[in-house]
Amino acid sequence: MGIIKVHDIKIHTNHGCMEEEAKIGNDYIVNAVVKTDLDLSAQTDDLKDTVDYVAIYNIVFEEMKIRAKLLETVVQRIIDRILKEHKSVEEVTIEVQKLNPPIGGNVGYVSVERKGKRAS
């Protein structure tokens, strides 16, 4: 077993409940952590035997571009898609950070993090 991490995926998109967020958007940072068996790829040195972090990035980017009111919804879509498209992934953790959230205070970011596991 091993872990593949893709950190600090930066994207500007338009999630949120407020109308202004739909129009002007905000900056987000996404972190993805996947647990998978890395034994074969460590021996073969072949990309087809692992979870390609470019594929993880692409899933995150595509799902983040689909508007949602809640970050919880976006996080769950990312988890579901990674588990669906990468059968070797046993567990995935996704964190989405919303930078400078419109909450009327000086806050760097808010975030939602969820973990998903493959059903046994």
PDB file of N, CA and C in Angstrom:
ATOM      1  N   MET A   1       0.850  -1.181   0.000  1.00  0.00           N
ATOM      2  CA  MET A   1       0.000   0.000   0.000  1.00  0.00           C
ATOM      3  C   MET A   1       0.892   1.239   0.000  1.00  0.00           C
ATOM      4  N   GLY A   2       0.390   2.290  -0.562  1.00  0.00           N
ATOM      5  CA  GLY A   2       1.130   3.540  -0.589  1.00  0.00           C
ATOM      6  C   GLY A   2       0.171   4.710  -0.733  1.00  0.00           C
ATOM      7  N   ILE A   3       0.735   5.884  -0.745  1.00  0.00           N
ATOM      8  CA  ILE A   3      -0.060   7.108  -0.832  1.00  0.00           C
ATOM      9  C   ILE A   3       0.493   7.995  -1.939  1.00  0.00           C
ATOM     10  N   ILE A   4      -0.403   8.507  -2.763  1.00  0.00           N
ATOM     11  CA  ILE A   4      -0.061   9.504  -3.780  1.00  0.00           C
ATOM     12  C   ILE A   4      -0.783  10.785  -3.395  1.00  0.00           C
ATOM     13  N   LYS A   5      -0.040  11.891  -3.344  1.00  0.00           N
ATOM     14  CA  LYS A   5      -0.608  13.177  -2.942  1.00  0.00           C
ATOM     15  C   LYS A   5      -0.438  14.192  -4.065  1.00  0.00           C
ATOM     16  N   VAL A   6      -1.495  14.960  -4.298  1.00  0.00           N
ATOM     17  CA  VAL A   6      -1.424  16.086  -5.229  1.00  0.00           C
ATOM     18  C   VAL A   6      -1.853  17.307  -4.415  1.00  0.00           C
ATOM     19  N   HIS A   7      -0.892  18.180  -4.145  1.00  0.00           N
ATOM     20  CA  HIS A   7      -1.133  19.322  -3.255  1.00  0.00           C
ATOM     21  C   HIS A   7      -1.241  20.635  -4.014  1.00  0.00           C
ATOM     22  N   ASP A   8      -2.037  21.520  -3.440  1.00  0.00           N
ATOM     23  CA  ASP A   8      -2.121  22.919  -3.881  1.00  0.00           C
ATOM     24  C   ASP A   8      -2.539  23.084  -5.342  1.00  0.00           C
ATOM     25  N   ILE A   9      -3.572  22.362  -5.728  1.00  0.00           N
ATOM     26  CA  ILE A   9      -4.161  22.571  -7.054  1.00  0.00           C
ATOM     27  C   ILE A   9      -4.928  23.884  -6.979  1.00  0.00           C
ATOM     28  N   LYS A  10      -4.491  24.864  -7.736  1.00  0.00           N
ATOM     29  CA  LYS A  10      -5.095  26.196  -7.689  1.00  0.00           C
ATOM     30  C   LYS A  10      -6.072  26.381  -8.842  1.00  0.00           C
ATOM     31  N   ILE A  11      -7.254  26.909  -8.511  1.00  0.00           N
ATOM     32  CA  ILE A  11      -8.280  27.098  -9.534  1.00  0.00           C
ATOM     33  C   ILE A  11      -9.190  28.257  -9.137  1.00  0.00           C
ATOM     34  N   HIS A  12      -9.614  29.013 -10.123  1.00  0.00           N
ATOM     35  CA  HIS A  12     -10.595  30.076  -9.922  1.00  0.00           C
ATOM     36  C   HIS A  12     -11.916  29.585 -10.492  1.00  0.00           C
ATOM     37  N   THR A  13     -12.945  29.540  -9.647  1.00  0.00           N
ATOM     38  CA  THR A  13     -14.251  29.064 -10.087  1.00  0.00           C
ATOM     39  C   THR A  13     -15.339  29.719  -9.250  1.00  0.00           C
ATOM     40  N   ASN A  14     -16.574  29.289  -9.401  1.00  0.00           N
ATOM     41  CA  ASN A  14     -17.689  30.085  -8.886  1.00  0.00           C
ATOM     42  C   ASN A  14     -18.625  29.337  -7.943  1.00  0.00           C
ATOM     43  N   HIS A  15     -18.108  28.635  -6.958  1.00  0.00           N
ATOM     44  CA  HIS A  15     -18.957  27.953  -5.981  1.00  0.00           C
ATOM     45  C   HIS A  15     -19.441  28.933  -4.922  1.00  0.00           C
ATOM     46  N   GLY A  16     -20.577  28.616  -4.324  1.00  0.00           N
ATOM     47  CA  GLY A  16     -21.077  29.406  -3.210  1.00  0.00           C
ATOM     48  C   GLY A  16     -22.559  29.671  -3.312  1.00  0.00           C
ATOM     49  N   CYS A  17     -23.133  30.071  -2.190  1.00  0.00           N
ATOM     50  CA  CYS A  17     -24.569  30.330  -2.106  1.00  0.00           C
ATOM     51  C   CYS A  17     -24.939  31.751  -2.521  1.00  0.00           C
ATOM     52  N   MET A  18     -23.978  32.657  -2.500  1.00  0.00           N
ATOM     53  CA  MET A  18     -24.271  34.049  -2.802  1.00  0.00           C
ATOM     54  C   MET A  18     -24.217  34.310  -4.308  1.00  0.00           C
ATOM     55  N   GLU A  19     -25.103  35.187  -4.768  1.00  0.00           N
ATOM     56  CA  GLU A  19     -25.174  35.515  -6.191  1.00  0.00           C
ATOM     57  C   GLU A  19     -23.852  36.089  -6.710  1.00  0.00           C
ATOM     58  N   GLU A  20     -23.177  36.889  -5.881  1.00  0.00           N
ATOM     59  CA  GLU A  20     -21.895  37.478  -6.294  1.00  0.00           C
ATOM     60  C   GLU A  20     -20.850  36.406  -6.569  1.00  0.00           C
ATOM     61  N   GLU A  21     -20.896  35.335  -5.787  1.00  0.00           N
ATOM     62  CA  GLU A  21     -19.934  34.255  -5.982  1.00  0.00           C
ATOM     63  C   GLU A  21     -20.150  33.567  -7.329  1.00  0.00           C
ATOM     64  N   ALA A  22     -21.390  33.479  -7.752  1.00  0.00           N
ATOM     65  CA  ALA A  22     -21.689  32.881  -9.053  1.00  0.00           C
ATOM     66  C   ALA A  22     -21.155  33.745 -10.180  1.00  0.00           C
ATOM     67  N   LYS A  23     -21.165  35.058  -9.977  1.00  0.00           N
ATOM     68  CA  LYS A  23     -20.748  35.985 -11.032  1.00  0.00           C
ATOM     69  C   LYS A  23     -19.240  36.176 -11.085  1.00  0.00           C
ATOM     70  N   ILE A  24     -18.629  36.481  -9.942  1.00  0.00           N
ATOM     71  CA  ILE A  24     -17.202  36.827  -9.956  1.00  0.00           C
ATOM     72  C   ILE A  24     -16.291  35.673  -9.558  1.00  0.00           C
ATOM     73  N   GLY A  25     -16.835  34.698  -8.856  1.00  0.00           N
ATOM     74  CA  GLY A  25     -16.038  33.549  -8.463  1.00  0.00           C
ATOM     75  C   GLY A  25     -15.079  33.839  -7.333  1.00  0.00           C
ATOM     76  N   ASN A  26     -14.222  32.863  -7.078  1.00  0.00           N
ATOM     77  CA  ASN A  26     -13.255  32.956  -5.996  1.00  0.00           C
ATOM     78  C   ASN A  26     -12.093  32.021  -6.326  1.00  0.00           C
ATOM     79  N   ASP A  27     -11.031  32.154  -5.545  1.00  0.00           N
ATOM     80  CA  ASP A  27      -9.868  31.284  -5.701  1.00  0.00           C
ATOM     81  C   ASP A  27      -9.960  30.127  -4.711  1.00  0.00           C
ATOM     82  N   TYR A  28      -9.578  28.954  -5.186  1.00  0.00           N
ATOM     83  CA  TYR A  28      -9.651  27.733  -4.391  1.00  0.00           C
ATOM     84  C   TYR A  28      -8.326  26.981  -4.486  1.00  0.00           C
ATOM     85  N   ILE A  29      -8.047  26.217  -3.446  1.00  0.00           N
ATOM     86  CA  ILE A  29      -6.910  25.296  -3.443  1.00  0.00           C
ATOM     87  C   ILE A  29      -7.439  23.926  -3.053  1.00  0.00           C
ATOM     88  N   VAL A  30      -7.050  22.912  -3.820  1.00  0.00           N
ATOM     89  CA  VAL A  30      -7.518  21.546  -3.561  1.00  0.00           C
ATOM     90  C   VAL A  30      -6.307  20.662  -3.283  1.00  0.00           C
ATOM     91  N   ASN A  31      -6.462  19.809  -2.272  1.00  0.00           N
ATOM     92  CA  ASN A  31      -5.462  18.800  -1.947  1.00  0.00           C
ATOM     93  C   ASN A  31      -6.110  17.432  -2.062  1.00  0.00           C
ATOM     94  N   ALA A  32      -5.435  16.521  -2.751  1.00  0.00           N
ATOM     95  CA  ALA A  32      -5.950  15.167  -2.953  1.00  0.00           C
ATOM     96  C   ALA A  32      -4.926  14.155  -2.444  1.00  0.00           C
ATOM     97  N   VAL A  33      -5.426  13.171  -1.698  1.00  0.00           N
ATOM     98  CA  VAL A  33      -4.577  12.096  -1.185  1.00  0.00           C
ATOM     99  C   VAL A  33      -5.277  10.784  -1.517  1.00  0.00           C
ATOM    100  N   VAL A  34      -4.579   9.902  -2.240  1.00  0.00           N
ATOM    101  CA  VAL A  34      -5.161   8.602  -2.576  1.00  0.00           C
ATOM    102  C   VAL A  34      -4.286   7.478  -2.035  1.00  0.00           C
ATOM    103  N   LYS A  35      -4.952   6.493  -1.432  1.00  0.00           N
ATOM    104  CA  LYS A  35      -4.267   5.288  -0.966  1.00  0.00           C
ATOM    105  C   LYS A  35      -4.495   4.204  -1.998  1.00  0.00           C
ATOM    106  N   THR A  36      -3.402   3.602  -2.424  1.00  0.00           N
ATOM    107  CA  THR A  36      -3.470   2.568  -3.454  1.00  0.00           C
ATOM    108  C   THR A  36      -2.280   1.629  -3.303  1.00  0.00           C
ATOM    109  N   ASP A  37      -2.344   0.506  -3.951  1.00  0.00           N
ATOM    110  CA  ASP A  37      -1.240  -0.443  -3.933  1.00  0.00           C
ATOM    111  C   ASP A  37      -0.167   0.035  -4.914  1.00  0.00           C
ATOM    112  N   LEU A  38       1.004   0.321  -4.410  1.00  0.00           N
ATOM    113  CA  LEU A  38       2.110   0.802  -5.247  1.00  0.00           C
ATOM    114  C   LEU A  38       3.182  -0.265  -5.475  1.00  0.00           C
ATOM    115  N   ASP A  39       2.936  -1.472  -5.015  1.00  0.00           N
ATOM    116  CA  ASP A  39       3.950  -2.521  -5.138  1.00  0.00           C
ATOM    117  C   ASP A  39       4.305  -2.818  -6.597  1.00  0.00           C
ATOM    118  N   LEU A  40       3.297  -3.005  -7.433  1.00  0.00           N
ATOM    119  CA  LEU A  40       3.558  -3.352  -8.831  1.00  0.00           C
ATOM    120  C   LEU A  40       4.283  -2.223  -9.557  1.00  0.00           C
ATOM    121  N   SER A  41       3.801  -0.996  -9.421  1.00  0.00           N
ATOM    122  CA  SER A  41       4.434   0.116 -10.131  1.00  0.00           C
ATOM    123  C   SER A  41       5.853   0.369  -9.642  1.00  0.00           C
ATOM    124  N   ALA A  42       6.108   0.104  -8.371  1.00  0.00           N
ATOM    125  CA  ALA A  42       7.464   0.269  -7.846  1.00  0.00           C
ATOM    126  C   ALA A  42       8.425  -0.718  -8.507  1.00  0.00           C
ATOM    127  N   GLN A  43       7.909  -1.877  -8.923  1.00  0.00           N
ATOM    128  CA  GLN A  43       8.746  -2.885  -9.573  1.00  0.00           C
ATOM    129  C   GLN A  43       8.828  -2.684 -11.079  1.00  0.00           C
ATOM    130  N   THR A  44       7.704  -2.338 -11.721  1.00  0.00           N
ATOM    131  CA  THR A  44       7.683  -2.273 -13.180  1.00  0.00           C
ATOM    132  C   THR A  44       8.146  -0.935 -13.734  1.00  0.00           C
ATOM    133  N   ASP A  45       8.041   0.122 -12.924  1.00  0.00           N
ATOM    134  CA  ASP A  45       8.387   1.470 -13.377  1.00  0.00           C
ATOM    135  C   ASP A  45       7.534   1.883 -14.582  1.00  0.00           C
ATOM    136  N   ASP A  46       6.265   1.436 -14.563  1.00  0.00           N
ATOM    137  CA  ASP A  46       5.365   1.679 -15.684  1.00  0.00           C
ATOM    138  C   ASP A  46       4.142   2.466 -15.195  1.00  0.00           C
ATOM    139  N   LEU A  47       3.851   3.560 -15.876  1.00  0.00           N
ATOM    140  CA  LEU A  47       2.750   4.441 -15.490  1.00  0.00           C
ATOM    141  C   LEU A  47       1.400   3.724 -15.464  1.00  0.00           C
ATOM    142  N   LYS A  48       1.213   2.744 -16.331  1.00  0.00           N
ATOM    143  CA  LYS A  48      -0.075   2.030 -16.383  1.00  0.00           C
ATOM    144  C   LYS A  48      -0.333   1.215 -15.116  1.00  0.00           C
ATOM    145  N   ASP A  49       0.687   1.007 -14.293  1.00  0.00           N
ATOM    146  CA  ASP A  49       0.560   0.197 -13.081  1.00  0.00           C
ATOM    147  C   ASP A  49       0.349   1.029 -11.819  1.00  0.00           C
ATOM    148  N   THR A  50       0.069   2.317 -11.986  1.00  0.00           N
ATOM    149  CA  THR A  50      -0.129   3.182 -10.829  1.00  0.00           C
ATOM    150  C   THR A  50      -1.314   4.101 -11.079  1.00  0.00           C
ATOM    151  N   VAL A  51      -1.577   4.987 -10.149  1.00  0.00           N
ATOM    152  CA  VAL A  51      -2.588   6.032 -10.316  1.00  0.00           C
ATOM    153  C   VAL A  51      -1.836   7.287 -10.756  1.00  0.00           C
ATOM    154  N   ASP A  52      -2.068   7.684 -11.979  1.00  0.00           N
ATOM    155  CA  ASP A  52      -1.383   8.832 -12.561  1.00  0.00           C
ATOM    156  C   ASP A  52      -1.864  10.114 -11.891  1.00  0.00           C
ATOM    157  N   TYR A  53      -0.957  10.867 -11.301  1.00  0.00           N
ATOM    158  CA  TYR A  53      -1.371  12.096 -10.623  1.00  0.00           C
ATOM    159  C   TYR A  53      -1.893  13.144 -11.590  1.00  0.00           C
ATOM    160  N   VAL A  54      -1.560  13.032 -12.870  1.00  0.00           N
ATOM    161  CA  VAL A  54      -2.144  13.926 -13.874  1.00  0.00           C
ATOM    162  C   VAL A  54      -3.644  13.631 -14.006  1.00  0.00           C
ATOM    163  N   ALA A  55      -4.019  12.361 -13.950  1.00  0.00           N
ATOM    164  CA  ALA A  55      -5.442  11.986 -14.007  1.00  0.00           C
ATOM    165  C   ALA A  55      -6.184  12.525 -12.782  1.00  0.00           C
ATOM    166  N   ILE A  56      -5.560  12.469 -11.625  1.00  0.00           N
ATOM    167  CA  ILE A  56      -6.176  13.019 -10.406  1.00  0.00           C
ATOM    168  C   ILE A  56      -6.373  14.512 -10.569  1.00  0.00           C
ATOM    169  N   TYR A  57      -5.348  15.203 -11.041  1.00  0.00           N
ATOM    170  CA  TYR A  57      -5.460  16.648 -11.282  1.00  0.00           C
ATOM    171  C   TYR A  57      -6.620  16.950 -12.231  1.00  0.00           C
ATOM    172  N   ASN A  58      -6.716  16.211 -13.316  1.00  0.00           N
ATOM    173  CA  ASN A  58      -7.773  16.461 -14.311  1.00  0.00           C
ATOM    174  C   ASN A  58      -9.170  16.259 -13.720  1.00  0.00           C
ATOM    175  N   ILE A  59      -9.342  15.233 -12.904  1.00  0.00           N
ATOM    176  CA  ILE A  59     -10.637  15.021 -12.254  1.00  0.00           C
ATOM    177  C   ILE A  59     -10.965  16.200 -11.347  1.00  0.00           C
ATOM    178  N   VAL A  60     -10.012  16.613 -10.534  1.00  0.00           N
ATOM    179  CA  VAL A  60     -10.230  17.751  -9.634  1.00  0.00           C
ATOM    180  C   VAL A  60     -10.598  18.989 -10.443  1.00  0.00           C
ATOM    181  N   PHE A  61      -9.828  19.286 -11.474  1.00  0.00           N
ATOM    182  CA  PHE A  61     -10.058  20.488 -12.274  1.00  0.00           C
ATOM    183  C   PHE A  61     -11.452  20.465 -12.915  1.00  0.00           C
ATOM    184  N   GLU A  62     -11.816  19.344 -13.516  1.00  0.00           N
ATOM    185  CA  GLU A  62     -13.109  19.239 -14.196  1.00  0.00           C
ATOM    186  C   GLU A  62     -14.278  19.356 -13.220  1.00  0.00           C
ATOM    187  N   GLU A  63     -14.188  18.696 -12.085  1.00  0.00           N
ATOM    188  CA  GLU A  63     -15.282  18.742 -11.109  1.00  0.00           C
ATOM    189  C   GLU A  63     -15.380  20.110 -10.431  1.00  0.00           C
ATOM    190  N   MET A  64     -14.254  20.757 -10.229  1.00  0.00           N
ATOM    191  CA  MET A  64     -14.276  22.091  -9.615  1.00  0.00           C
ATOM    192  C   MET A  64     -14.918  23.116 -10.545  1.00  0.00           C
ATOM    193  N   LYS A  65     -14.897  22.887 -11.839  1.00  0.00           N
ATOM    194  CA  LYS A  65     -15.491  23.823 -12.796  1.00  0.00           C
ATOM    195  C   LYS A  65     -17.022  23.714 -12.860  1.00  0.00           C
ATOM    196  N   ILE A  66     -17.594  22.671 -12.254  1.00  0.00           N
ATOM    197  CA  ILE A  66     -19.047  22.508 -12.233  1.00  0.00           C
ATOM    198  C   ILE A  66     -19.569  23.180 -10.965  1.00  0.00           C
ATOM    199  N   ARG A  67     -20.340  24.236 -11.147  1.00  0.00           N
ATOM    200  CA  ARG A  67     -20.805  25.045 -10.025  1.00  0.00           C
ATOM    201  C   ARG A  67     -21.644  24.250  -9.023  1.00  0.00           C
ATOM    202  N   ALA A  68     -21.403  24.550  -7.744  1.00  0.00           N
ATOM    203  CA  ALA A  68     -22.205  24.009  -6.645  1.00  0.00           C
ATOM    204  C   ALA A  68     -22.339  25.084  -5.584  1.00  0.00           C
ATOM    205  N   LYS A  69     -23.385  25.023  -4.823  1.00  0.00           N
ATOM    206  CA  LYS A  69     -23.556  25.971  -3.729  1.00  0.00           C
ATOM    207  C   LYS A  69     -22.640  25.621  -2.563  1.00  0.00           C
ATOM    208  N   LEU A  70     -22.474  24.329  -2.308  1.00  0.00           N
ATOM    209  CA  LEU A  70     -21.702  23.889  -1.150  1.00  0.00           C
ATOM    210  C   LEU A  70     -20.424  23.164  -1.560  1.00  0.00           C
ATOM    211  N   LEU A  71     -19.356  23.429  -0.825  1.00  0.00           N
ATOM    212  CA  LEU A  71     -18.092  22.731  -1.069  1.00  0.00           C
ATOM    213  C   LEU A  71     -18.232  21.240  -0.782  1.00  0.00           C
ATOM    214  N   GLU A  72     -19.105  20.892   0.142  1.00  0.00           N
ATOM    215  CA  GLU A  72     -19.331  19.488   0.459  1.00  0.00           C
ATOM    216  C   GLU A  72     -19.744  18.699  -0.784  1.00  0.00           C
ATOM    217  N   THR A  73     -20.566  19.320  -1.609  1.00  0.00           N
ATOM    218  CA  THR A  73     -21.044  18.677  -2.832  1.00  0.00           C
ATOM    219  C   THR A  73     -19.894  18.450  -3.810  1.00  0.00           C
ATOM    220  N   VAL A  74     -19.065  19.455  -3.976  1.00  0.00           N
ATOM    221  CA  VAL A  74     -17.929  19.350  -4.903  1.00  0.00           C
ATOM    222  C   VAL A  74     -16.952  18.295  -4.416  1.00  0.00           C
ATOM    223  N   VAL A  75     -16.636  18.311  -3.135  1.00  0.00           N
ATOM    224  CA  VAL A  75     -15.707  17.336  -2.567  1.00  0.00           C
ATOM    225  C   VAL A  75     -16.215  15.912  -2.802  1.00  0.00           C
ATOM    226  N   GLN A  76     -17.498  15.683  -2.567  1.00  0.00           N
ATOM    227  CA  GLN A  76     -18.044  14.343  -2.746  1.00  0.00           C
ATOM    228  C   GLN A  76     -18.010  13.906  -4.210  1.00  0.00           C
ATOM    229  N   ARG A  77     -18.279  14.838  -5.124  1.00  0.00           N
ATOM    230  CA  ARG A  77     -18.202  14.494  -6.559  1.00  0.00           C
ATOM    231  C   ARG A  77     -16.786  14.059  -6.940  1.00  0.00           C
ATOM    232  N   ILE A  78     -15.789  14.768  -6.424  1.00  0.00           N
ATOM    233  CA  ILE A  78     -14.389  14.420  -6.723  1.00  0.00           C
ATOM    234  C   ILE A  78     -14.066  13.033  -6.182  1.00  0.00           C
ATOM    235  N   ILE A  79     -14.446  12.779  -4.936  1.00  0.00           N
ATOM    236  CA  ILE A  79     -14.201  11.463  -4.328  1.00  0.00           C
ATOM    237  C   ILE A  79     -14.864  10.359  -5.145  1.00  0.00           C
ATOM    238  N   ASP A  80     -16.136  10.543  -5.458  1.00  0.00           N
ATOM    239  CA  ASP A  80     -16.875   9.520  -6.201  1.00  0.00           C
ATOM    240  C   ASP A  80     -16.234   9.231  -7.551  1.00  0.00           C
ATOM    241  N   ARG A  81     -15.809  10.266  -8.225  1.00  0.00           N
ATOM    242  CA  ARG A  81     -15.238  10.074  -9.559  1.00  0.00           C
ATOM    243  C   ARG A  81     -13.874   9.372  -9.503  1.00  0.00           C
ATOM    244  N   ILE A  82     -13.050   9.743  -8.524  1.00  0.00           N
ATOM    245  CA  ILE A  82     -11.746   9.073  -8.388  1.00  0.00           C
ATOM    246  C   ILE A  82     -11.952   7.587  -8.102  1.00  0.00           C
ATOM    247  N   LEU A  83     -12.858   7.264  -7.189  1.00  0.00           N
ATOM    248  CA  LEU A  83     -13.109   5.860  -6.870  1.00  0.00           C
ATOM    249  C   LEU A  83     -13.701   5.106  -8.062  1.00  0.00           C
ATOM    250  N   LYS A  84     -14.526   5.777  -8.855  1.00  0.00           N
ATOM    251  CA  LYS A  84     -15.141   5.135 -10.020  1.00  0.00           C
ATOM    252  C   LYS A  84     -14.113   4.882 -11.124  1.00  0.00           C
ATOM    253  N   GLU A  85     -13.250   5.846 -11.384  1.00  0.00           N
ATOM    254  CA  GLU A  85     -12.331   5.753 -12.520  1.00  0.00           C
ATOM    255  C   GLU A  85     -11.013   5.061 -12.205  1.00  0.00           C
ATOM    256  N   HIS A  86     -10.695   4.900 -10.931  1.00  0.00           N
ATOM    257  CA  HIS A  86      -9.412   4.287 -10.543  1.00  0.00           C
ATOM    258  C   HIS A  86      -9.687   3.147  -9.564  1.00  0.00           C
ATOM    259  N   LYS A  87      -9.870   1.975 -10.121  1.00  0.00           N
ATOM    260  CA  LYS A  87     -10.284   0.802  -9.344  1.00  0.00           C
ATOM    261  C   LYS A  87      -9.257   0.376  -8.296  1.00  0.00           C
ATOM    262  N   SER A  88      -8.002   0.773  -8.461  1.00  0.00           N
ATOM    263  CA  SER A  88      -6.985   0.384  -7.482  1.00  0.00           C
ATOM    264  C   SER A  88      -6.972   1.285  -6.251  1.00  0.00           C
ATOM    265  N   VAL A  89      -7.663   2.406  -6.300  1.00  0.00           N
ATOM    266  CA  VAL A  89      -7.687   3.326  -5.158  1.00  0.00           C
ATOM    267  C   VAL A  89      -8.599   2.742  -4.083  1.00  0.00           C
ATOM    268  N   GLU A  90      -8.050   2.582  -2.881  1.00  0.00           N
ATOM    269  CA  GLU A  90      -8.808   2.052  -1.749  1.00  0.00           C
ATOM    270  C   GLU A  90      -9.455   3.167  -0.932  1.00  0.00           C
ATOM    271  N   GLU A  91      -8.777   4.312  -0.878  1.00  0.00           N
ATOM    272  CA  GLU A  91      -9.256   5.416  -0.053  1.00  0.00           C
ATOM    273  C   GLU A  91      -8.796   6.731  -0.656  1.00  0.00           C
ATOM    274  N   VAL A  92      -9.634   7.750  -0.569  1.00  0.00           N
ATOM    275  CA  VAL A  92      -9.274   9.062  -1.094  1.00  0.00           C
ATOM    276  C   VAL A  92      -9.728  10.123  -0.101  1.00  0.00           C
ATOM    277  N   THR A  93      -8.867  11.111   0.112  1.00  0.00           N
ATOM    278  CA  THR A  93      -9.191  12.255   0.953  1.00  0.00           C
ATOM    279  C   THR A  93      -9.044  13.506   0.101  1.00  0.00           C
ATOM    280  N   ILE A  94     -10.085  14.328   0.113  1.00  0.00           N
ATOM    281  CA  ILE A  94     -10.075  15.569  -0.650  1.00  0.00           C
ATOM    282  C   ILE A  94     -10.339  16.730   0.305  1.00  0.00           C
ATOM    283  N   GLU A  95      -9.521  17.763   0.194  1.00  0.00           N
ATOM    284  CA  GLU A  95      -9.741  19.017   0.922  1.00  0.00           C
ATOM    285  C   GLU A  95      -9.856  20.129  -0.102  1.00  0.00           C
ATOM    286  N   VAL A  96     -10.915  20.930   0.007  1.00  0.00           N
ATOM    287  CA  VAL A  96     -11.082  22.116  -0.829  1.00  0.00           C
ATOM    288  C   VAL A  96     -11.052  23.334   0.082  1.00  0.00           C
ATOM    289  N   GLN A  97     -10.130  24.247  -0.208  1.00  0.00           N
ATOM    290  CA  GLN A  97     -10.004  25.496   0.534  1.00  0.00           C
ATOM    291  C   GLN A  97     -10.560  26.637  -0.309  1.00  0.00           C
ATOM    292  N   LYS A  98     -11.408  27.439   0.282  1.00  0.00           N
ATOM    293  CA  LYS A  98     -11.945  28.632  -0.379  1.00  0.00           C
ATOM    294  C   LYS A  98     -11.207  29.828   0.210  1.00  0.00           C
ATOM    295  N   LEU A  99     -10.416  30.487  -0.629  1.00  0.00           N
ATOM    296  CA  LEU A  99      -9.611  31.602  -0.159  1.00  0.00           C
ATOM    297  C   LEU A  99     -10.454  32.864  -0.024  1.00  0.00           C
ATOM    298  N   ASN A 100     -10.152  33.664   0.979  1.00  0.00           N
ATOM    299  CA  ASN A 100     -10.850  34.930   1.211  1.00  0.00           C
ATOM    300  C   ASN A 100     -12.362  34.793   1.122  1.00  0.00           C
ATOM    301  N   PRO A 101     -12.959  33.943   1.948  1.00  0.00           N
ATOM    302  CA  PRO A 101     -14.409  33.716   1.859  1.00  0.00           C
ATOM    303  C   PRO A 101     -15.194  34.968   2.253  1.00  0.00           C
ATOM    304  N   PRO A 102     -16.355  35.164   1.649  1.00  0.00           N
ATOM    305  CA  PRO A 102     -17.155  36.358   1.937  1.00  0.00           C
ATOM    306  C   PRO A 102     -17.962  36.192   3.227  1.00  0.00           C
ATOM    307  N   ILE A 103     -17.280  36.275   4.366  1.00  0.00           N
ATOM    308  CA  ILE A 103     -17.974  36.086   5.645  1.00  0.00           C
ATOM    309  C   ILE A 103     -17.925  37.329   6.531  1.00  0.00           C
ATOM    310  N   GLY A 104     -17.472  38.435   5.988  1.00  0.00           N
ATOM    311  CA  GLY A 104     -17.477  39.674   6.756  1.00  0.00           C
ATOM    312  C   GLY A 104     -16.397  39.767   7.813  1.00  0.00           C
ATOM    313  N   GLY A 105     -15.312  39.065   7.627  1.00  0.00           N
ATOM    314  CA  GLY A 105     -14.195  39.101   8.571  1.00  0.00           C
ATOM    315  C   GLY A 105     -12.902  38.806   7.845  1.00  0.00           C
ATOM    316  N   ASN A 106     -11.809  38.974   8.559  1.00  0.00           N
ATOM    317  CA  ASN A 106     -10.484  38.741   7.991  1.00  0.00           C
ATOM    318  C   ASN A 106     -10.112  37.270   8.180  1.00  0.00           C
ATOM    319  N   VAL A 107     -10.454  36.459   7.182  1.00  0.00           N
ATOM    320  CA  VAL A 107     -10.219  35.012   7.229  1.00  0.00           C
ATOM    321  C   VAL A 107      -9.436  34.620   5.983  1.00  0.00           C
ATOM    322  N   GLY A 108      -8.359  33.892   6.169  1.00  0.00           N
ATOM    323  CA  GLY A 108      -7.551  33.453   5.041  1.00  0.00           C
ATOM    324  C   GLY A 108      -8.274  32.474   4.137  1.00  0.00           C
ATOM    325  N   TYR A 109      -8.870  31.440   4.739  1.00  0.00           N
ATOM    326  CA  TYR A 109      -9.645  30.471   3.965  1.00  0.00           C
ATOM    327  C   TYR A 109     -10.539  29.656   4.887  1.00  0.00           C
ATOM    328  N   VAL A 110     -11.548  29.072   4.280  1.00  0.00           N
ATOM    329  CA  VAL A 110     -12.347  28.031   4.921  1.00  0.00           C
ATOM    330  C   VAL A 110     -12.129  26.770   4.093  1.00  0.00           C
ATOM    331  N   SER A 111     -12.347  25.616   4.705  1.00  0.00           N
ATOM    332  CA  SER A 111     -12.141  24.398   3.931  1.00  0.00           C
ATOM    333  C   SER A 111     -13.113  23.308   4.349  1.00  0.00           C
ATOM    334  N   VAL A 112     -13.314  22.383   3.416  1.00  0.00           N
ATOM    335  CA  VAL A 112     -14.087  21.176   3.659  1.00  0.00           C
ATOM    336  C   VAL A 112     -13.197  20.011   3.276  1.00  0.00           C
ATOM    337  N   GLU A 113     -13.136  19.025   4.144  1.00  0.00           N
ATOM    338  CA  GLU A 113     -12.353  17.820   3.874  1.00  0.00           C
ATOM    339  C   GLU A 113     -13.222  16.609   4.143  1.00  0.00           C
ATOM    340  N   ARG A 114     -13.169  15.674   3.211  1.00  0.00           N
ATOM    341  CA  ARG A 114     -13.902  14.411   3.360  1.00  0.00           C
ATOM    342  C   ARG A 114     -13.025  13.259   2.897  1.00  0.00           C
ATOM    343  N   LYS A 115     -13.334  12.100   3.446  1.00  0.00           N
ATOM    344  CA  LYS A 115     -12.627  10.883   3.079  1.00  0.00           C
ATOM    345  C   LYS A 115     -13.645   9.896   2.525  1.00  0.00           C
ATOM    346  N   GLY A 116     -13.270   9.216   1.460  1.00  0.00           N
ATOM    347  CA  GLY A 116     -14.112   8.168   0.898  1.00  0.00           C
ATOM    348  C   GLY A 116     -13.318   6.885   0.778  1.00  0.00           C
ATOM    349  N   LYS A 117     -14.000   5.769   1.001  1.00  0.00           N
ATOM    350  CA  LYS A 117     -13.367   4.457   0.903  1.00  0.00           C
ATOM    351  C   LYS A 117     -14.141   3.581  -0.063  1.00  0.00           C
ATOM    352  N   ARG A 118     -13.410   2.715  -0.710  1.00  0.00           N
ATOM    353  CA  ARG A 118     -14.029   1.757  -1.602  1.00  0.00           C
ATOM    354  C   ARG A 118     -14.851   0.768  -0.775  1.00  0.00           C
ATOM    355  N   ALA A 119     -16.051   0.499  -1.227  1.00  0.00           N
ATOM    356  CA  ALA A 119     -16.910  -0.472  -0.533  1.00  0.00           C
ATOM    357  C   ALA A 119     -16.282  -1.854  -0.645  1.00  0.00           C
ATOM    358  N   SER A 120     -16.335  -2.609   0.427  1.00  0.00           N
ATOM    359  CA  SER A 120     -15.722  -3.951   0.445  1.00  0.00           C
ATOM    360  C   SER A 120     -16.501  -4.942  -0.351  1.00  0.00           C
TER     361      SER A 120
END
